[in-house]
Amino acid sequence: MLQDTVTLAHGAGGKQTSELIEKVFKAHFENPLFTPDDAAVLQIGPGADGQLPRLAMSTDGFIVSPSFFPGGNIGKLSICGTVNDLACMGAQPLYMTCAFVIEEGFPMSKLEEIAAAMEKTAAEAGVCIVAGDTKVAGRGQVDGVFITTTAVGRIMDGVTTGGALAKPGDSVIVTGDIGRHGCTILLARDDYGIEADVTSDCAPLWNAVRNVLTEVPGVHVIRDATRGGVGTVLYEIAGQSNVGFALDAENIPVDPGVRGVCGMLGLEPLYLACEGRLVIITPPETRDKVLDILRNSPHTEGAACIGTVTEDHPGRVVLQTEIGAQTILPQPGNELLPRIC
């Protein structure tokens, strides 16, 4: 049963977020195109070549605090988050809109810096910003600046990905070390007085995904490990595909600085947010090829296989620890820390 009021946990990407979407938004917005994946797949009329092109469409809101952090700012983040959602459906990002809610008194120089970061990142991703909206809120009504972006892209021919397509025996790949964005935001807030050399992984990933899908169009699942991190994404896929996951802790790449911060604060890197990391699930016979392509593509050089999809324990993620023991990774719930949006 839903709580009487919305809490911060409802926006953290865990169990409460899923319940909010299922019992409120899906209950009122349900239609054949409404999707639990990173972007909706839309069929449009035939093109000049007679083919039926498919579009992907996604929207995302960004309220990260602080709005500037090592490795990026809210502007760069707003482009990366949305084009990466399209990439997860195998879609080349084409056009984007953006809406700003700006707090009265926000420095104009900072706003220009944010816009410049958006310009640079959009150019790298190959997406064109074509329209937008601006609102100014009174002091204290907004934490600096909030950005909402929406984008559409064309899905590559012959490619179909989705959270319901994972199969037992598939390999589970992450495209680099995990948890850096969440750790970066935590340190940037300086709530704990910890110093560590950690930089956000924030990056646009379409070029890497295109390289993979050009050679391996049969990839089953691609998901963006943002809020809730890799662990939450795997639980979502486990529910959609009715499968289990077996992970090997020794193979999960974690930056030493992130590992140290997590050790001090008792955090699990698998639940820390990423903004430049994907989970890719592919048939075992294509695993090595996918890894080789990723390791030779921008922003995914640290790709690693971290486990397999299993028939056992459907809906669960089992972790084999460094000492050889097996434990069930707790299902994400309540508010995941640090809060990134």
Protein backbone atom coordinates (compact mmCIF):
# COMPACT_ATOMS: atom_id res chain seq x y z
CA MET A 1 0.00 0.00 0.00
CA LEU A 2 1.26 3.48 -0.86
CA GLN A 3 2.06 5.92 1.92
CA ASP A 4 -0.18 8.92 2.46
CA THR A 5 2.48 11.37 1.34
CA VAL A 6 5.41 11.37 -1.07
CA THR A 7 8.79 10.89 0.62
CA LEU A 8 12.35 11.34 -0.61
CA ALA A 9 12.56 7.54 -0.90
CA HIS A 10 9.98 7.69 -3.71
CA GLY A 11 12.55 9.51 -5.84
CA ALA A 12 15.59 7.43 -4.96
CA GLY A 13 15.21 4.73 -7.63
CA GLY A 14 14.53 1.77 -5.31
CA LYS A 15 11.46 -0.20 -4.26
CA GLN A 16 9.40 2.88 -3.36
CA THR A 17 10.06 4.45 -6.77
CA SER A 18 8.85 1.28 -8.49
CA GLU A 19 5.70 1.26 -6.35
CA LEU A 20 5.03 4.93 -7.12
CA ILE A 21 5.32 4.33 -10.87
CA GLU A 22 3.26 1.13 -10.76
CA LYS A 23 0.44 2.28 -8.51
CA VAL A 24 0.08 5.93 -9.53
CA PHE A 25 1.54 6.72 -12.93
CA LYS A 26 1.11 3.37 -14.68
CA ALA A 27 -2.37 3.05 -13.20
CA HIS A 28 -3.42 6.29 -14.93
CA PHE A 29 -1.15 6.35 -18.00
CA GLU A 30 -1.23 2.68 -19.04
CA ASN A 31 -1.25 2.09 -22.80
CA PRO A 32 0.48 -0.35 -25.19
CA LEU A 33 3.51 1.96 -25.53
CA PHE A 34 4.01 2.74 -21.81
CA THR A 35 7.34 1.14 -20.92
CA PRO A 36 9.48 0.14 -17.90
CA ASP A 37 12.58 0.44 -20.08
CA ASP A 38 14.82 3.49 -20.47
CA ALA A 39 12.92 4.82 -23.50
CA ALA A 40 9.67 4.13 -25.30
CA VAL A 41 9.79 2.43 -28.71
CA LEU A 42 7.49 4.14 -31.21
CA GLN A 43 6.53 2.93 -34.69
CA ILE A 44 6.01 5.55 -37.37
CA GLY A 45 4.95 5.41 -41.02
CA PRO A 46 7.18 3.99 -43.77
CA GLY A 47 10.08 6.08 -44.99
CA ALA A 48 11.19 6.76 -48.55
CA ASP A 49 12.81 3.31 -48.69
CA GLY A 50 9.54 1.63 -47.71
CA GLN A 51 10.91 0.53 -44.34
CA LEU A 52 9.08 1.12 -41.07
CA PRO A 53 11.52 3.14 -38.96
CA ARG A 54 11.28 2.86 -35.19
CA LEU A 55 11.88 5.79 -32.87
CA ALA A 56 12.89 5.81 -29.23
CA MET A 57 11.76 8.65 -26.96
CA SER A 58 12.83 9.48 -23.42
CA THR A 59 12.53 12.33 -20.91
CA ASP A 60 14.43 12.98 -17.70
CA GLY A 61 14.59 15.61 -14.96
CA PHE A 62 17.80 16.71 -13.23
CA ILE A 63 17.93 18.40 -9.83
CA VAL A 64 21.42 17.32 -8.74
CA SER A 65 23.01 19.14 -5.82
CA PRO A 66 25.62 20.53 -6.08
CA SER A 67 25.05 21.49 -9.69
CA PHE A 68 28.84 21.57 -10.33
CA PHE A 69 30.98 18.56 -9.40
CA PRO A 70 34.32 17.00 -10.39
CA GLY A 71 33.86 15.64 -13.91
CA GLY A 72 30.88 17.74 -14.95
CA ASN A 73 27.87 19.82 -14.06
CA ILE A 74 24.10 19.56 -14.29
CA GLY A 75 24.21 20.66 -17.94
CA LYS A 76 26.52 17.87 -19.06
CA LEU A 77 24.54 15.45 -16.92
CA SER A 78 21.23 16.43 -18.52
CA ILE A 79 22.52 15.57 -22.00
CA CYS A 80 24.27 12.35 -21.00
CA GLY A 81 21.35 10.99 -19.00
CA THR A 82 18.86 11.34 -21.83
CA VAL A 83 20.99 10.28 -24.82
CA ASN A 84 22.18 7.26 -22.83
CA ASP A 85 18.56 6.23 -22.27
CA LEU A 86 18.03 6.30 -26.05
CA ALA A 87 21.23 4.34 -26.59
CA CYS A 88 19.89 1.59 -24.34
CA MET A 89 17.19 0.94 -26.95
CA GLY A 90 19.75 0.95 -29.76
CA ALA A 91 18.68 4.41 -30.91
CA GLN A 92 20.87 7.09 -32.43
CA PRO A 93 19.97 10.35 -30.65
CA LEU A 94 18.67 12.92 -33.14
CA TYR A 95 16.75 15.78 -31.52
CA MET A 96 16.40 17.10 -28.00
CA THR A 97 14.41 19.73 -26.11
CA CYS A 98 15.28 21.18 -22.72
CA ALA A 99 13.41 23.08 -20.02
CA PHE A 100 15.07 25.17 -17.30
CA VAL A 101 13.67 26.22 -13.93
CA ILE A 102 16.14 28.79 -12.57
CA GLU A 103 16.19 30.29 -9.09
CA GLU A 104 16.15 34.08 -8.89
CA GLY A 105 19.69 35.25 -8.13
CA PHE A 106 21.44 32.33 -9.84
CA PRO A 107 24.76 33.62 -11.28
CA MET A 108 24.54 34.29 -15.01
CA SER A 109 28.15 33.12 -15.44
CA LYS A 110 27.22 29.73 -13.98
CA LEU A 111 24.20 29.48 -16.28
CA GLU A 112 26.43 30.15 -19.28
CA GLU A 113 28.86 27.50 -18.08
CA ILE A 114 26.00 25.00 -17.87
CA ALA A 115 24.78 25.89 -21.37
CA ALA A 116 28.32 25.57 -22.75
CA ALA A 117 28.65 22.09 -21.22
CA MET A 118 25.34 21.10 -22.82
CA GLU A 119 26.54 22.40 -26.19
CA LYS A 120 29.81 20.45 -26.00
CA THR A 121 28.21 17.20 -24.80
CA ALA A 122 25.39 17.36 -27.36
CA ALA A 123 27.97 17.76 -30.12
CA GLU A 124 29.86 14.68 -28.89
CA ALA A 125 26.64 12.66 -28.72
CA GLY A 126 25.49 13.88 -32.14
CA VAL A 127 22.16 15.22 -30.87
CA CYS A 128 20.68 18.59 -31.86
CA ILE A 129 18.93 20.78 -29.24
CA VAL A 130 15.96 22.19 -31.14
CA ALA A 131 13.60 23.78 -28.60
CA GLY A 132 13.20 24.58 -24.93
CA ASP A 133 11.52 26.52 -22.17
CA THR A 134 12.71 28.78 -19.36
CA LYS A 135 11.03 29.58 -16.05
CA VAL A 136 12.44 31.69 -13.21
CA ALA A 137 11.32 30.80 -9.68
CA GLY A 138 11.57 32.94 -6.56
CA ARG A 139 14.48 32.65 -4.17
CA GLY A 140 14.29 29.42 -2.18
CA GLN A 141 11.73 27.79 -4.47
CA VAL A 142 14.44 26.00 -6.51
CA ASP A 143 17.90 24.78 -5.54
CA GLY A 144 19.80 26.83 -8.11
CA VAL A 145 18.67 25.31 -11.39
CA PHE A 146 16.61 22.31 -12.47
CA ILE A 147 16.75 20.93 -16.04
CA THR A 148 14.38 18.60 -17.87
CA THR A 149 15.39 17.12 -21.22
CA THR A 150 13.46 15.10 -23.78
CA ALA A 151 14.99 13.40 -26.81
CA VAL A 152 14.07 11.21 -29.75
CA GLY A 153 16.27 8.94 -31.79
CA ARG A 154 16.06 6.33 -34.53
CA ILE A 155 16.54 2.70 -33.53
CA MET A 156 19.10 0.77 -35.57
CA ASP A 157 17.63 -1.72 -38.02
CA GLY A 158 17.55 -5.29 -36.71
CA VAL A 159 18.09 -4.25 -33.08
CA THR A 160 15.64 -5.05 -30.28
CA THR A 161 16.64 -4.63 -26.64
CA GLY A 162 14.58 -4.61 -23.46
CA GLY A 163 14.57 -5.58 -19.82
CA ALA A 164 12.30 -8.57 -20.50
CA LEU A 165 14.76 -10.21 -22.93
CA ALA A 166 17.45 -11.57 -20.56
CA LYS A 167 17.95 -15.34 -20.96
CA PRO A 168 19.56 -17.91 -18.63
CA GLY A 169 23.19 -18.35 -19.60
CA ASP A 170 23.59 -14.75 -20.82
CA SER A 171 26.67 -12.83 -19.77
CA VAL A 172 26.37 -9.66 -17.66
CA ILE A 173 28.74 -6.85 -18.63
CA VAL A 174 29.34 -3.43 -17.10
CA THR A 175 31.03 -0.83 -19.27
CA GLY A 176 33.47 0.39 -16.60
CA ASP A 177 34.08 0.84 -12.89
CA ILE A 178 30.90 1.46 -10.95
CA GLY A 179 29.60 3.97 -8.43
CA ARG A 180 31.82 6.93 -9.27
CA HIS A 181 29.08 9.48 -9.89
CA GLY A 182 27.26 8.77 -6.64
CA CYS A 183 30.52 8.85 -4.70
CA THR A 184 31.55 12.10 -6.39
CA ILE A 185 28.30 13.83 -5.43
CA LEU A 186 28.60 12.57 -1.86
CA LEU A 187 32.13 13.98 -1.55
CA ALA A 188 31.19 17.26 -3.27
CA ARG A 189 28.60 17.94 -0.56
CA ASP A 190 31.32 17.56 2.09
CA ASP A 191 28.84 16.19 4.62
CA TYR A 192 31.36 13.70 5.99
CA GLY A 193 34.65 15.60 5.72
CA ILE A 194 36.17 12.85 3.57
CA GLU A 195 38.76 13.67 0.92
CA ALA A 196 39.29 11.29 -1.99
CA ASP A 197 40.37 11.63 -5.61
CA VAL A 198 37.11 10.58 -7.27
CA THR A 199 35.66 12.05 -10.49
CA SER A 200 32.20 11.47 -11.92
CA ASP A 201 31.93 8.96 -14.78
CA CYS A 202 29.37 11.24 -16.51
CA ALA A 203 29.68 10.63 -20.28
CA PRO A 204 27.56 10.16 -23.43
CA LEU A 205 27.68 6.52 -24.53
CA TRP A 206 25.91 6.35 -27.89
CA ASN A 207 29.12 5.96 -29.90
CA ALA A 208 30.18 2.93 -27.85
CA VAL A 209 26.71 1.37 -28.10
CA ARG A 210 26.62 1.95 -31.86
CA ASN A 211 29.99 0.21 -32.21
CA VAL A 212 28.68 -2.82 -30.29
CA LEU A 213 25.32 -3.11 -32.04
CA THR A 214 26.84 -2.70 -35.50
CA GLU A 215 28.80 -5.90 -34.91
CA VAL A 216 26.51 -7.66 -32.42
CA PRO A 217 22.87 -6.70 -33.10
CA GLY A 218 21.66 -9.64 -30.98
CA VAL A 219 22.45 -8.03 -27.60
CA HIS A 220 19.47 -8.73 -25.33
CA VAL A 221 19.46 -5.94 -22.74
CA ILE A 222 21.16 -2.56 -22.31
CA ARG A 223 20.33 -0.47 -19.24
CA ASP A 224 21.66 2.81 -17.89
CA ALA A 225 22.82 2.31 -14.29
CA THR A 226 21.85 5.73 -12.91
CA ARG A 227 19.72 6.09 -9.76
CA GLY A 228 20.21 3.01 -7.61
CA GLY A 229 23.25 1.87 -9.57
CA VAL A 230 23.98 -1.54 -11.06
CA GLY A 231 22.31 -3.46 -8.25
CA THR A 232 18.95 -1.77 -8.73
CA VAL A 233 19.12 -2.23 -12.52
CA LEU A 234 19.77 -5.95 -12.12
CA TYR A 235 16.79 -6.33 -9.79
CA GLU A 236 14.60 -4.51 -12.31
CA ILE A 237 15.74 -6.81 -15.13
CA ALA A 238 15.35 -9.89 -12.92
CA GLY A 239 11.71 -8.93 -12.35
CA GLN A 240 11.01 -8.15 -16.00
CA SER A 241 12.65 -11.33 -17.36
CA ASN A 242 11.83 -13.63 -14.41
CA VAL A 243 15.47 -14.68 -14.09
CA GLY A 244 18.18 -14.61 -11.46
CA PHE A 245 21.70 -13.21 -11.52
CA ALA A 246 24.94 -14.70 -10.24
CA LEU A 247 27.68 -12.09 -9.79
CA ASP A 248 31.35 -12.52 -8.92
CA ALA A 249 32.52 -9.76 -6.58
CA GLU A 250 36.14 -10.16 -7.70
CA ASN A 251 35.20 -9.22 -11.26
CA ILE A 252 33.20 -6.08 -10.40
CA PRO A 253 35.39 -3.05 -11.21
CA VAL A 254 35.44 -0.41 -8.47
CA ASP A 255 37.76 2.59 -8.35
CA PRO A 256 40.05 2.41 -5.28
CA GLY A 257 38.84 5.81 -4.08
CA VAL A 258 35.21 4.70 -4.33
CA ARG A 259 36.00 1.45 -2.55
CA GLY A 260 37.71 3.35 0.27
CA VAL A 261 34.80 5.76 0.76
CA CYS A 262 32.31 2.89 0.70
CA GLY A 263 34.37 1.03 3.29
CA MET A 264 34.39 4.02 5.63
CA LEU A 265 30.66 4.72 5.30
CA GLY A 266 29.32 1.18 4.94
CA LEU A 267 27.97 1.74 1.41
CA GLU A 268 27.62 -0.88 -1.32
CA PRO A 269 29.20 0.25 -4.64
CA LEU A 270 26.59 -1.75 -6.56
CA TYR A 271 23.95 0.69 -5.29
CA LEU A 272 25.86 3.89 -6.01
CA ALA A 273 24.72 5.87 -9.04
CA CYS A 274 26.58 5.88 -12.33
CA GLU A 275 26.11 8.44 -15.11
CA GLY A 276 28.41 6.90 -17.70
CA ARG A 277 28.01 3.18 -17.19
CA LEU A 278 25.72 0.65 -18.84
CA VAL A 279 24.70 -2.89 -17.95
CA ILE A 280 24.78 -5.02 -21.11
CA ILE A 281 23.35 -8.54 -21.19
CA THR A 282 24.35 -10.59 -24.20
CA PRO A 283 24.42 -14.26 -25.24
CA PRO A 284 27.55 -16.02 -23.94
CA GLU A 285 28.93 -16.67 -27.42
CA THR A 286 29.10 -12.91 -28.09
CA ARG A 287 30.54 -11.89 -24.70
CA ASP A 288 34.19 -11.65 -25.74
CA LYS A 289 33.37 -9.74 -28.91
CA VAL A 290 31.25 -7.23 -27.01
CA LEU A 291 34.00 -6.75 -24.43
CA ASP A 292 36.63 -6.23 -27.12
CA ILE A 293 34.50 -3.60 -28.91
CA LEU A 294 33.74 -1.76 -25.67
CA ARG A 295 37.37 -1.72 -24.61
CA ASN A 296 38.21 0.01 -27.88
CA SER A 297 35.35 2.55 -27.72
CA PRO A 298 35.13 5.96 -26.00
CA HIS A 299 34.22 5.98 -22.29
CA THR A 300 33.93 2.16 -22.03
CA GLU A 301 37.58 1.10 -21.97
CA GLY A 302 37.16 -0.54 -18.55
CA ALA A 303 34.36 -2.92 -19.54
CA ALA A 304 34.19 -6.19 -17.59
CA CYS A 305 32.02 -9.29 -17.36
CA ILE A 306 30.70 -9.49 -13.80
CA GLY A 307 28.38 -12.49 -13.87
CA THR A 308 25.71 -14.53 -15.61
CA VAL A 309 21.95 -14.81 -15.90
CA THR A 310 20.58 -17.94 -14.20
CA GLU A 311 17.39 -19.97 -13.98
CA ASP A 312 17.94 -20.29 -10.24
CA HIS A 313 16.47 -17.88 -7.68
CA PRO A 314 14.37 -15.87 -10.19
CA GLY A 315 13.97 -12.25 -9.15
CA ARG A 316 17.14 -12.38 -7.02
CA VAL A 317 20.74 -11.26 -7.38
CA VAL A 318 23.29 -13.58 -5.76
CA LEU A 319 26.81 -12.32 -5.11
CA GLN A 320 29.82 -14.59 -4.70
CA THR A 321 32.10 -12.71 -2.33
CA GLU A 322 35.89 -12.42 -2.44
CA ILE A 323 36.19 -15.22 0.15
CA GLY A 324 34.03 -17.61 -1.90
CA ALA A 325 30.80 -17.34 0.07
CA GLN A 326 27.46 -16.66 -1.60
CA THR A 327 25.03 -14.02 -0.39
CA ILE A 328 21.80 -12.58 -1.74
CA LEU A 329 22.25 -8.93 -2.60
CA PRO A 330 19.54 -7.07 -0.66
CA GLN A 331 16.73 -5.73 -2.80
CA PRO A 332 17.00 -1.91 -2.85
CA GLY A 333 14.50 -0.14 -0.65
CA ASN A 334 13.96 3.07 1.28
CA GLU A 335 16.20 6.00 0.33
CA LEU A 336 19.45 5.06 -1.38
CA LEU A 337 22.45 7.14 -0.32
CA PRO A 338 23.84 9.41 -1.47
CA ARG A 339 20.79 11.05 -2.99
CA ILE A 340 21.80 12.33 -6.48
CA CYS A 341 18.57 13.87 -7.74
